[in-house]
Amino acid sequence: MAKERHREVPASYLVLIKDGKILLARRFNTGYMDGNYSLPAGHVDKGETFAQCMIREVKEEIGINVKPEDSKTAHLMHRFSGAEWGDEGYRIDVFFTADKWQGNPEIKEPDKCDELSWFELGNLPQNIIPYVRQALECINKKIFYSEFGWENLK
Protein backbone atom coordinates (compact mmCIF):
# COMPACT_ATOMS: atom_id res chain seq x y z
CA MET A 1 0.00 0.00 0.00
CA ALA A 2 1.40 3.38 -1.01
CA LYS A 3 2.02 5.94 1.70
CA GLU A 4 0.03 9.15 1.58
CA ARG A 5 2.35 12.04 0.83
CA HIS A 6 2.15 15.76 1.57
CA ARG A 7 1.18 18.21 -1.11
CA GLU A 8 2.96 21.36 0.03
CA VAL A 9 1.98 24.81 -1.19
CA PRO A 10 5.19 26.68 -2.11
CA ALA A 11 5.64 30.39 -1.35
CA SER A 12 8.43 32.95 -1.61
CA TYR A 13 9.11 35.95 0.65
CA LEU A 14 11.49 38.89 0.45
CA VAL A 15 13.24 40.52 3.39
CA LEU A 16 14.36 43.93 2.14
CA ILE A 17 17.19 45.37 4.21
CA LYS A 18 17.94 49.12 4.28
CA ASP A 19 19.99 50.91 6.94
CA GLY A 20 19.66 47.89 9.23
CA LYS A 21 15.86 47.83 8.93
CA ILE A 22 13.44 45.52 7.15
CA LEU A 23 10.32 46.42 5.20
CA LEU A 24 7.01 45.00 6.42
CA ALA A 25 3.59 45.24 4.79
CA ARG A 26 0.36 45.31 6.77
CA ARG A 27 -2.23 42.94 5.32
CA PHE A 28 -5.61 44.39 4.47
CA ASN A 29 -8.85 42.91 3.11
CA THR A 30 -7.29 39.53 2.22
CA GLY A 31 -9.22 37.27 4.57
CA TYR A 32 -6.00 35.98 6.16
CA MET A 33 -4.32 37.69 9.12
CA ASP A 34 -5.60 41.12 8.08
CA GLY A 35 -4.20 43.94 10.24
CA ASN A 36 -0.97 42.01 10.79
CA TYR A 37 2.43 42.67 9.27
CA SER A 38 4.10 40.32 6.84
CA LEU A 39 6.69 40.46 4.08
CA PRO A 40 6.19 40.96 0.35
CA ALA A 41 5.36 37.41 -0.70
CA GLY A 42 3.29 35.09 -2.80
CA HIS A 43 2.60 31.57 -3.95
CA VAL A 44 4.86 29.99 -6.54
CA ASP A 45 3.01 29.49 -9.82
CA LYS A 46 3.28 26.24 -11.77
CA GLY A 47 6.47 26.27 -13.85
CA GLU A 48 8.03 29.02 -11.75
CA THR A 49 11.03 28.78 -9.40
CA PHE A 50 11.04 30.22 -5.87
CA ALA A 51 13.39 33.00 -7.02
CA GLN A 52 11.26 33.84 -10.06
CA CYS A 53 8.20 34.00 -7.80
CA MET A 54 9.89 36.37 -5.36
CA ILE A 55 11.00 38.68 -8.19
CA ARG A 56 7.49 38.69 -9.72
CA GLU A 57 5.69 39.20 -6.41
CA VAL A 58 7.81 42.15 -5.22
CA LYS A 59 7.28 43.85 -8.57
CA GLU A 60 3.51 43.32 -8.30
CA GLU A 61 3.18 44.19 -4.60
CA ILE A 62 5.70 46.97 -3.95
CA GLY A 63 6.89 48.02 -7.41
CA ILE A 64 10.59 47.24 -7.13
CA ASN A 65 12.95 45.20 -9.31
CA VAL A 66 15.28 42.70 -7.67
CA LYS A 67 17.88 40.97 -9.79
CA PRO A 68 18.56 37.32 -8.97
CA GLU A 69 22.22 38.09 -8.27
CA ASP A 70 21.20 40.75 -5.71
CA SER A 71 19.22 38.32 -3.58
CA LYS A 72 20.12 35.26 -1.57
CA THR A 73 18.22 32.45 0.05
CA ALA A 74 18.24 33.15 3.78
CA HIS A 75 15.75 30.72 5.31
CA LEU A 76 13.62 27.68 4.53
CA MET A 77 10.55 26.90 6.59
CA HIS A 78 8.42 23.76 6.55
CA ARG A 79 5.08 24.86 7.91
CA PHE A 80 1.73 23.37 8.79
CA SER A 81 -0.86 26.14 8.63
CA GLY A 82 -3.79 24.21 10.08
CA ALA A 83 -6.08 21.28 9.51
CA GLU A 84 -8.80 23.60 8.16
CA TRP A 85 -6.67 24.00 5.02
CA GLY A 86 -6.68 20.24 4.32
CA ASP A 87 -3.97 19.21 1.85
CA GLU A 88 -3.15 22.90 1.38
CA GLY A 89 -2.18 23.22 5.05
CA TYR A 90 1.31 21.93 4.30
CA ARG A 91 3.64 24.74 3.23
CA ILE A 92 7.22 25.25 2.07
CA ASP A 93 8.28 28.86 2.54
CA VAL A 94 11.53 30.22 1.10
CA PHE A 95 12.73 33.56 2.47
CA PHE A 96 15.13 35.64 0.40
CA THR A 97 17.08 38.71 1.49
CA ALA A 98 18.13 41.65 -0.65
CA ASP A 99 19.94 44.84 0.21
CA LYS A 100 20.02 46.12 -3.37
CA TRP A 101 17.12 46.76 -5.75
CA GLN A 102 15.79 49.24 -8.30
CA GLY A 103 12.86 51.54 -7.52
CA ASN A 104 11.24 52.81 -4.35
CA PRO A 105 8.96 50.46 -2.42
CA GLU A 106 5.36 51.61 -2.51
CA ILE A 107 1.98 49.98 -2.13
CA LYS A 108 0.92 48.65 -5.53
CA GLU A 109 -2.00 46.54 -4.29
CA PRO A 110 -4.00 48.84 -1.98
CA ASP A 111 -6.81 46.28 -1.92
CA LYS A 112 -4.45 43.87 -0.07
CA CYS A 113 -2.03 46.13 1.83
CA ASP A 114 -2.68 49.37 3.71
CA GLU A 115 0.80 50.19 5.05
CA LEU A 116 4.49 49.68 4.31
CA SER A 117 6.92 50.48 7.14
CA TRP A 118 10.59 49.91 7.96
CA PHE A 119 11.33 48.18 11.29
CA GLU A 120 14.47 47.31 13.20
CA LEU A 121 14.79 43.55 13.54
CA GLY A 122 15.05 43.92 17.32
CA ASN A 123 11.91 46.04 17.44
CA LEU A 124 9.31 44.24 15.32
CA PRO A 125 5.64 45.20 15.74
CA GLN A 126 3.53 43.05 18.06
CA ASN A 127 1.07 42.37 15.27
CA ILE A 128 3.43 40.50 12.97
CA ILE A 129 2.35 37.12 11.64
CA PRO A 130 3.92 34.57 14.04
CA TYR A 131 5.64 32.37 11.46
CA VAL A 132 7.09 35.49 9.78
CA ARG A 133 8.47 36.60 13.17
CA GLN A 134 10.07 33.17 13.59
CA ALA A 135 11.61 33.31 10.12
CA LEU A 136 13.04 36.78 10.74
CA GLU A 137 14.49 35.69 14.09
CA CYS A 138 16.06 32.66 12.42
CA ILE A 139 17.52 34.81 9.64
CA ASN A 140 19.00 37.13 12.26
CA LYS A 141 20.59 34.13 14.02
CA LYS A 142 21.73 32.64 10.69
CA ILE A 143 19.54 29.56 11.18
CA PHE A 144 18.77 28.31 7.70
CA TYR A 145 15.90 25.88 8.41
CA SER A 146 12.95 25.86 10.80
CA GLU A 147 9.55 24.27 11.26
CA PHE A 148 6.35 25.98 12.36
CA GLY A 149 2.82 24.88 13.27
CA TRP A 150 3.38 21.15 13.44
CA GLU A 151 2.15 21.07 17.03
CA ASN A 152 -1.27 21.92 15.56
CA LEU A 153 -1.37 18.79 13.39
CA LYS A 154 -4.15 16.57 14.68
C-alpha atoms as a PDB file:
ATOM      1  CA  MET A   1       0.000   0.000   0.000  1.00  0.00           C
ATOM      2  CA  ALA A   2       1.398   3.376  -1.007  1.00  0.00           C
ATOM      3  CA  LYS A   3       2.015   5.944   1.699  1.00  0.00           C
ATOM      4  CA  GLU A   4       0.033   9.149   1.580  1.00  0.00           C
ATOM      5  CA  ARG A   5       2.353  12.045   0.827  1.00  0.00           C
ATOM      6  CA  HIS A   6       2.151  15.757   1.574  1.00  0.00           C
ATOM      7  CA  ARG A   7       1.182  18.211  -1.114  1.00  0.00           C
ATOM      8  CA  GLU A   8       2.960  21.361   0.032  1.00  0.00           C
ATOM      9  CA  VAL A   9       1.984  24.812  -1.188  1.00  0.00           C
ATOM     10  CA  PRO A  10       5.191  26.681  -2.110  1.00  0.00           C
ATOM     11  CA  ALA A  11       5.639  30.387  -1.348  1.00  0.00           C
ATOM     12  CA  SER A  12       8.431  32.954  -1.609  1.00  0.00           C
ATOM     13  CA  TYR A  13       9.108  35.946   0.649  1.00  0.00           C
ATOM     14  CA  LEU A  14      11.493  38.893   0.449  1.00  0.00           C
ATOM     15  CA  VAL A  15      13.242  40.520   3.390  1.00  0.00           C
ATOM     16  CA  LEU A  16      14.365  43.926   2.143  1.00  0.00           C
ATOM     17  CA  ILE A  17      17.192  45.374   4.206  1.00  0.00           C
ATOM     18  CA  LYS A  18      17.939  49.125   4.281  1.00  0.00           C
ATOM     19  CA  ASP A  19      19.991  50.915   6.937  1.00  0.00           C
ATOM     20  CA  GLY A  20      19.659  47.894   9.230  1.00  0.00           C
ATOM     21  CA  LYS A  21      15.863  47.828   8.927  1.00  0.00           C
ATOM     22  CA  ILE A  22      13.442  45.516   7.147  1.00  0.00           C
ATOM     23  CA  LEU A  23      10.319  46.419   5.195  1.00  0.00           C
ATOM     24  CA  LEU A  24       7.013  45.003   6.419  1.00  0.00           C
ATOM     25  CA  ALA A  25       3.592  45.241   4.790  1.00  0.00           C
ATOM     26  CA  ARG A  26       0.362  45.306   6.772  1.00  0.00           C
ATOM     27  CA  ARG A  27      -2.232  42.939   5.322  1.00  0.00           C
ATOM     28  CA  PHE A  28      -5.613  44.390   4.467  1.00  0.00           C
ATOM     29  CA  ASN A  29      -8.848  42.911   3.113  1.00  0.00           C
ATOM     30  CA  THR A  30      -7.294  39.532   2.218  1.00  0.00           C
ATOM     31  CA  GLY A  31      -9.223  37.266   4.574  1.00  0.00           C
ATOM     32  CA  TYR A  32      -6.004  35.979   6.164  1.00  0.00           C
ATOM     33  CA  MET A  33      -4.325  37.695   9.123  1.00  0.00           C
ATOM     34  CA  ASP A  34      -5.599  41.120   8.084  1.00  0.00           C
ATOM     35  CA  GLY A  35      -4.199  43.937  10.239  1.00  0.00           C
ATOM     36  CA  ASN A  36      -0.973  42.010  10.788  1.00  0.00           C
ATOM     37  CA  TYR A  37       2.426  42.675   9.266  1.00  0.00           C
ATOM     38  CA  SER A  38       4.100  40.321   6.841  1.00  0.00           C
ATOM     39  CA  LEU A  39       6.688  40.458   4.077  1.00  0.00           C
ATOM     40  CA  PRO A  40       6.186  40.963   0.355  1.00  0.00           C
ATOM     41  CA  ALA A  41       5.363  37.407  -0.696  1.00  0.00           C
ATOM     42  CA  GLY A  42       3.287  35.093  -2.800  1.00  0.00           C
ATOM     43  CA  HIS A  43       2.601  31.571  -3.947  1.00  0.00           C
ATOM     44  CA  VAL A  44       4.857  29.989  -6.543  1.00  0.00           C
ATOM     45  CA  ASP A  45       3.009  29.491  -9.822  1.00  0.00           C
ATOM     46  CA  LYS A  46       3.275  26.244 -11.769  1.00  0.00           C
ATOM     47  CA  GLY A  47       6.472  26.269 -13.850  1.00  0.00           C
ATOM     48  CA  GLU A  48       8.033  29.025 -11.747  1.00  0.00           C
ATOM     49  CA  THR A  49      11.029  28.785  -9.399  1.00  0.00           C
ATOM     50  CA  PHE A  50      11.043  30.215  -5.874  1.00  0.00           C
ATOM     51  CA  ALA A  51      13.390  32.999  -7.015  1.00  0.00           C
ATOM     52  CA  GLN A  52      11.258  33.836 -10.057  1.00  0.00           C
ATOM     53  CA  CYS A  53       8.196  33.996  -7.803  1.00  0.00           C
ATOM     54  CA  MET A  54       9.887  36.372  -5.356  1.00  0.00           C
ATOM     55  CA  ILE A  55      10.997  38.680  -8.190  1.00  0.00           C
ATOM     56  CA  ARG A  56       7.488  38.685  -9.716  1.00  0.00           C
ATOM     57  CA  GLU A  57       5.693  39.203  -6.406  1.00  0.00           C
ATOM     58  CA  VAL A  58       7.809  42.146  -5.222  1.00  0.00           C
ATOM     59  CA  LYS A  59       7.283  43.855  -8.574  1.00  0.00           C
ATOM     60  CA  GLU A  60       3.513  43.323  -8.299  1.00  0.00           C
ATOM     61  CA  GLU A  61       3.175  44.188  -4.601  1.00  0.00           C
ATOM     62  CA  ILE A  62       5.700  46.967  -3.951  1.00  0.00           C
ATOM     63  CA  GLY A  63       6.889  48.016  -7.407  1.00  0.00           C
ATOM     64  CA  ILE A  64      10.595  47.237  -7.132  1.00  0.00           C
ATOM     65  CA  ASN A  65      12.947  45.205  -9.305  1.00  0.00           C
ATOM     66  CA  VAL A  66      15.280  42.701  -7.665  1.00  0.00           C
ATOM     67  CA  LYS A  67      17.884  40.966  -9.789  1.00  0.00           C
ATOM     68  CA  PRO A  68      18.564  37.318  -8.972  1.00  0.00           C
ATOM     69  CA  GLU A  69      22.224  38.090  -8.273  1.00  0.00           C
ATOM     70  CA  ASP A  70      21.198  40.749  -5.714  1.00  0.00           C
ATOM     71  CA  SER A  71      19.217  38.316  -3.580  1.00  0.00           C
ATOM     72  CA  LYS A  72      20.125  35.263  -1.574  1.00  0.00           C
ATOM     73  CA  THR A  73      18.222  32.448   0.046  1.00  0.00           C
ATOM     74  CA  ALA A  74      18.240  33.145   3.775  1.00  0.00           C
ATOM     75  CA  HIS A  75      15.746  30.720   5.306  1.00  0.00           C
ATOM     76  CA  LEU A  76      13.624  27.681   4.525  1.00  0.00           C
ATOM     77  CA  MET A  77      10.546  26.896   6.592  1.00  0.00           C
ATOM     78  CA  HIS A  78       8.424  23.756   6.551  1.00  0.00           C
ATOM     79  CA  ARG A  79       5.084  24.857   7.915  1.00  0.00           C
ATOM     80  CA  PHE A  80       1.735  23.373   8.795  1.00  0.00           C
ATOM     81  CA  SER A  81      -0.858  26.139   8.631  1.00  0.00           C
ATOM     82  CA  GLY A  82      -3.795  24.215  10.078  1.00  0.00           C
ATOM     83  CA  ALA A  83      -6.082  21.285   9.515  1.00  0.00           C
ATOM     84  CA  GLU A  84      -8.805  23.603   8.163  1.00  0.00           C
ATOM     85  CA  TRP A  85      -6.675  24.002   5.019  1.00  0.00           C
ATOM     86  CA  GLY A  86      -6.682  20.236   4.317  1.00  0.00           C
ATOM     87  CA  ASP A  87      -3.967  19.209   1.850  1.00  0.00           C
ATOM     88  CA  GLU A  88      -3.148  22.897   1.381  1.00  0.00           C
ATOM     89  CA  GLY A  89      -2.181  23.217   5.052  1.00  0.00           C
ATOM     90  CA  TYR A  90       1.314  21.931   4.295  1.00  0.00           C
ATOM     91  CA  ARG A  91       3.644  24.741   3.234  1.00  0.00           C
ATOM     92  CA  ILE A  92       7.215  25.245   2.073  1.00  0.00           C
ATOM     93  CA  ASP A  93       8.278  28.860   2.539  1.00  0.00           C
ATOM     94  CA  VAL A  94      11.525  30.220   1.096  1.00  0.00           C
ATOM     95  CA  PHE A  95      12.735  33.558   2.471  1.00  0.00           C
ATOM     96  CA  PHE A  96      15.132  35.637   0.402  1.00  0.00           C
ATOM     97  CA  THR A  97      17.080  38.708   1.487  1.00  0.00           C
ATOM     98  CA  ALA A  98      18.132  41.650  -0.647  1.00  0.00           C
ATOM     99  CA  ASP A  99      19.936  44.839   0.211  1.00  0.00           C
ATOM    100  CA  LYS A 100      20.021  46.115  -3.368  1.00  0.00           C
ATOM    101  CA  TRP A 101      17.119  46.763  -5.752  1.00  0.00           C
ATOM    102  CA  GLN A 102      15.791  49.241  -8.298  1.00  0.00           C
ATOM    103  CA  GLY A 103      12.857  51.541  -7.518  1.00  0.00           C
ATOM    104  CA  ASN A 104      11.241  52.813  -4.349  1.00  0.00           C
ATOM    105  CA  PRO A 105       8.964  50.459  -2.423  1.00  0.00           C
ATOM    106  CA  GLU A 106       5.363  51.614  -2.512  1.00  0.00           C
ATOM    107  CA  ILE A 107       1.976  49.978  -2.125  1.00  0.00           C
ATOM    108  CA  LYS A 108       0.920  48.652  -5.533  1.00  0.00           C
ATOM    109  CA  GLU A 109      -2.001  46.541  -4.285  1.00  0.00           C
ATOM    110  CA  PRO A 110      -4.000  48.838  -1.976  1.00  0.00           C
ATOM    111  CA  ASP A 111      -6.809  46.285  -1.921  1.00  0.00           C
ATOM    112  CA  LYS A 112      -4.448  43.871  -0.074  1.00  0.00           C
ATOM    113  CA  CYS A 113      -2.030  46.135   1.828  1.00  0.00           C
ATOM    114  CA  ASP A 114      -2.684  49.371   3.712  1.00  0.00           C
ATOM    115  CA  GLU A 115       0.804  50.193   5.054  1.00  0.00           C
ATOM    116  CA  LEU A 116       4.495  49.680   4.306  1.00  0.00           C
ATOM    117  CA  SER A 117       6.924  50.481   7.136  1.00  0.00           C
ATOM    118  CA  TRP A 118      10.587  49.914   7.957  1.00  0.00           C
ATOM    119  CA  PHE A 119      11.328  48.182  11.285  1.00  0.00           C
ATOM    120  CA  GLU A 120      14.467  47.306  13.199  1.00  0.00           C
ATOM    121  CA  LEU A 121      14.792  43.552  13.544  1.00  0.00           C
ATOM    122  CA  GLY A 122      15.053  43.919  17.315  1.00  0.00           C
ATOM    123  CA  ASN A 123      11.909  46.036  17.444  1.00  0.00           C
ATOM    124  CA  LEU A 124       9.308  44.244  15.324  1.00  0.00           C
ATOM    125  CA  PRO A 125       5.644  45.196  15.740  1.00  0.00           C
ATOM    126  CA  GLN A 126       3.534  43.048  18.060  1.00  0.00           C
ATOM    127  CA  ASN A 127       1.067  42.372  15.265  1.00  0.00           C
ATOM    128  CA  ILE A 128       3.430  40.501  12.969  1.00  0.00           C
ATOM    129  CA  ILE A 129       2.347  37.118  11.639  1.00  0.00           C
ATOM    130  CA  PRO A 130       3.920  34.569  14.041  1.00  0.00           C
ATOM    131  CA  TYR A 131       5.639  32.372  11.462  1.00  0.00           C
ATOM    132  CA  VAL A 132       7.090  35.486   9.781  1.00  0.00           C
ATOM    133  CA  ARG A 133       8.466  36.597  13.166  1.00  0.00           C
ATOM    134  CA  GLN A 134      10.066  33.170  13.592  1.00  0.00           C
ATOM    135  CA  ALA A 135      11.610  33.306  10.120  1.00  0.00           C
ATOM    136  CA  LEU A 136      13.044  36.783  10.740  1.00  0.00           C
ATOM    137  CA  GLU A 137      14.486  35.691  14.086  1.00  0.00           C
ATOM    138  CA  CYS A 138      16.059  32.662  12.418  1.00  0.00           C
ATOM    139  CA  ILE A 139      17.524  34.809   9.643  1.00  0.00           C
ATOM    140  CA  ASN A 140      19.001  37.134  12.256  1.00  0.00           C
ATOM    141  CA  LYS A 141      20.585  34.134  14.024  1.00  0.00           C
ATOM    142  CA  LYS A 142      21.733  32.639  10.689  1.00  0.00           C
ATOM    143  CA  ILE A 143      19.540  29.561  11.181  1.00  0.00           C
ATOM    144  CA  PHE A 144      18.773  28.306   7.695  1.00  0.00           C
ATOM    145  CA  TYR A 145      15.896  25.883   8.414  1.00  0.00           C
ATOM    146  CA  SER A 146      12.947  25.859  10.799  1.00  0.00           C
ATOM    147  CA  GLU A 147       9.547  24.274  11.262  1.00  0.00           C
ATOM    148  CA  PHE A 148       6.347  25.984  12.356  1.00  0.00           C
ATOM    149  CA  GLY A 149       2.822  24.883  13.265  1.00  0.00           C
ATOM    150  CA  TRP A 150       3.377  21.151  13.436  1.00  0.00           C
ATOM    151  CA  GLU A 151       2.154  21.073  17.035  1.00  0.00           C
ATOM    152  CA  ASN A 152      -1.273  21.924  15.563  1.00  0.00           C
ATOM    153  CA  LEU A 153      -1.372  18.794  13.393  1.00  0.00           C
ATOM    154  CA  LYS A 154      -4.154  16.572  14.682  1.00  0.00           C
END
